[in-house]
C-alpha atoms as a PDB file:
ATOM      1  CA  MET A   1      78.729 158.806 -35.874  1.00  0.00           C
ATOM      2  CA  LYS A   2      79.278 162.349 -37.810  1.00  0.00           C
ATOM      3  CA  ASP A   3      81.002 163.712 -35.079  1.00  0.00           C
ATOM      4  CA  ARG A   4      83.429 160.517 -34.065  1.00  0.00           C
ATOM      5  CA  ILE A   5      84.400 160.371 -38.044  1.00  0.00           C
ATOM      6  CA  LYS A   6      85.447 164.183 -37.739  1.00  0.00           C
ATOM      7  CA  GLU A   7      87.716 163.317 -34.622  1.00  0.00           C
ATOM      8  CA  LEU A   8      88.937 160.322 -36.151  1.00  0.00           C
ATOM      9  CA  ARG A   9      90.099 162.294 -38.875  1.00  0.00           C
ATOM     10  CA  LYS A  10      91.514 165.053 -37.221  1.00  0.00           C
ATOM     11  CA  ALA A  11      93.362 162.812 -34.662  1.00  0.00           C
ATOM     12  CA  LEU A  12      95.132 161.019 -38.082  1.00  0.00           C
ATOM     13  CA  GLY A  13      95.765 164.631 -39.485  1.00  0.00           C
ATOM     14  CA  LEU A  14      94.116 164.199 -42.530  1.00  0.00           C
ATOM     15  CA  SER A  15      92.009 166.126 -45.188  1.00  0.00           C
ATOM     16  CA  GLN A  16      88.698 164.859 -45.878  1.00  0.00           C
ATOM     17  CA  ALA A  17      90.327 164.147 -49.195  1.00  0.00           C
ATOM     18  CA  LYS A  18      93.238 162.221 -48.322  1.00  0.00           C
ATOM     19  CA  PHE A  19      90.842 160.165 -45.480  1.00  0.00           C
ATOM     20  CA  GLY A  20      88.511 159.408 -48.094  1.00  0.00           C
ATOM     21  CA  GLU A  21      90.989 158.393 -50.614  1.00  0.00           C
ATOM     22  CA  ARG A  22      92.417 155.952 -48.068  1.00  0.00           C
ATOM     23  CA  ILE A  23      89.103 154.412 -47.595  1.00  0.00           C
ATOM     24  CA  GLY A  24      88.000 154.382 -51.507  1.00  0.00           C
ATOM     25  CA  SER A  25      85.430 157.157 -50.778  1.00  0.00           C
ATOM     26  CA  SER A  26      85.699 160.862 -51.939  1.00  0.00           C
ATOM     27  CA  GLY A  27      86.294 164.170 -49.945  1.00  0.00           C
ATOM     28  CA  SER A  28      82.755 165.089 -50.610  1.00  0.00           C
ATOM     29  CA  SER A  29      81.422 162.072 -49.272  1.00  0.00           C
ATOM     30  CA  ILE A  30      83.605 162.045 -46.214  1.00  0.00           C
ATOM     31  CA  ALA A  31      82.475 165.994 -45.776  1.00  0.00           C
ATOM     32  CA  ASN A  32      78.646 164.823 -46.062  1.00  0.00           C
ATOM     33  CA  TYR A  33      79.121 162.601 -43.254  1.00  0.00           C
ATOM     34  CA  GLU A  34      80.750 164.767 -40.864  1.00  0.00           C
ATOM     35  CA  VAL A  35      77.841 167.093 -41.267  1.00  0.00           C
ATOM     36  CA  GLY A  36      75.351 164.613 -40.918  1.00  0.00           C
ATOM     37  CA  ILE A  37      73.907 164.898 -44.727  1.00  0.00           C
ATOM     38  CA  SER A  38      74.331 161.184 -45.326  1.00  0.00           C
ATOM     39  CA  THR A  39      75.198 158.389 -42.942  1.00  0.00           C
ATOM     40  CA  PRO A  40      78.306 155.755 -44.015  1.00  0.00           C
ATOM     41  CA  LEU A  41      77.279 152.479 -45.549  1.00  0.00           C
ATOM     42  CA  LYS A  42      78.116 149.306 -43.326  1.00  0.00           C
ATOM     43  CA  SER A  43      80.891 148.750 -45.720  1.00  0.00           C
ATOM     44  CA  VAL A  44      82.110 152.402 -45.582  1.00  0.00           C
ATOM     45  CA  VAL A  45      82.358 151.709 -41.632  1.00  0.00           C
ATOM     46  CA  THR A  46      84.334 148.920 -42.350  1.00  0.00           C
ATOM     47  CA  ALA A  47      86.508 150.225 -44.137  1.00  0.00           C
ATOM     48  CA  ILE A  48      87.353 152.839 -41.615  1.00  0.00           C
ATOM     49  CA  CYS A  49      87.774 150.468 -39.340  1.00  0.00           C
ATOM     50  CA  LYS A  50      90.205 148.242 -41.214  1.00  0.00           C
ATOM     51  CA  GLU A  51      92.308 150.857 -42.802  1.00  0.00           C
ATOM     52  CA  PHE A  52      92.989 152.812 -39.659  1.00  0.00           C
ATOM     53  CA  ASN A  53      92.277 149.910 -36.960  1.00  0.00           C
ATOM     54  CA  VAL A  54      89.596 151.829 -35.387  1.00  0.00           C
ATOM     55  CA  SER A  55      86.886 149.997 -32.758  1.00  0.00           C
ATOM     56  CA  GLU A  56      83.870 149.496 -34.590  1.00  0.00           C
ATOM     57  CA  THR A  57      82.247 149.801 -31.311  1.00  0.00           C
ATOM     58  CA  TRP A  58      83.582 153.067 -30.439  1.00  0.00           C
ATOM     59  CA  LEU A  59      82.944 154.424 -34.299  1.00  0.00           C
ATOM     60  CA  ARG A  60      79.066 153.544 -33.954  1.00  0.00           C
ATOM     61  CA  THR A  61      78.293 154.469 -30.134  1.00  0.00           C
ATOM     62  CA  GLY A  62      81.180 156.062 -28.800  1.00  0.00           C
ATOM     63  CA  GLU A  63      82.191 153.501 -26.032  1.00  0.00           C
ATOM     64  CA  GLY A  64      85.519 152.403 -25.581  1.00  0.00           C
ATOM     65  CA  GLU A  65      88.613 153.102 -27.053  1.00  0.00           C
ATOM     66  CA  MET A  66      89.034 154.928 -30.534  1.00  0.00           C
ATOM     67  CA  PHE A  67      91.841 152.548 -31.618  1.00  0.00           C
ATOM     68  CA  ASN A  68      91.947 148.516 -31.232  1.00  0.00           C
ATOM     69  CA  GLN A  69      94.177 147.762 -29.023  1.00  0.00           C
ATOM     70  CA  GLU A  70      97.354 145.685 -30.948  1.00  0.00           C
ATOM     71  CA  VAL A  71      98.076 142.467 -29.998  1.00  0.00           C
ATOM     72  CA  ASP A  72     101.591 141.398 -30.202  1.00  0.00           C
ATOM     73  CA  GLU A  73     102.030 137.856 -32.165  1.00  0.00           C
ATOM     74  CA  ILE A  74     103.572 134.716 -30.285  1.00  0.00           C
ATOM     75  CA  THR A  75     106.626 133.545 -32.070  1.00  0.00           C
END
């Protein structure tokens, strides 16, 4: 997961500090996830997926697309 967090952050063009700020974590926590010192809690994974519209399956396993498909609302 560490490589995918870094890949996502870079794809979004965010620093570790800005990425962390968006999900309620510190830049140092993001750095620790990216180098594998620590693994994010489920609540952090959920926050990443919700904030950035990321597929949890992709984030956890690398399978599928990085971003969830947006569904047009039927009016």
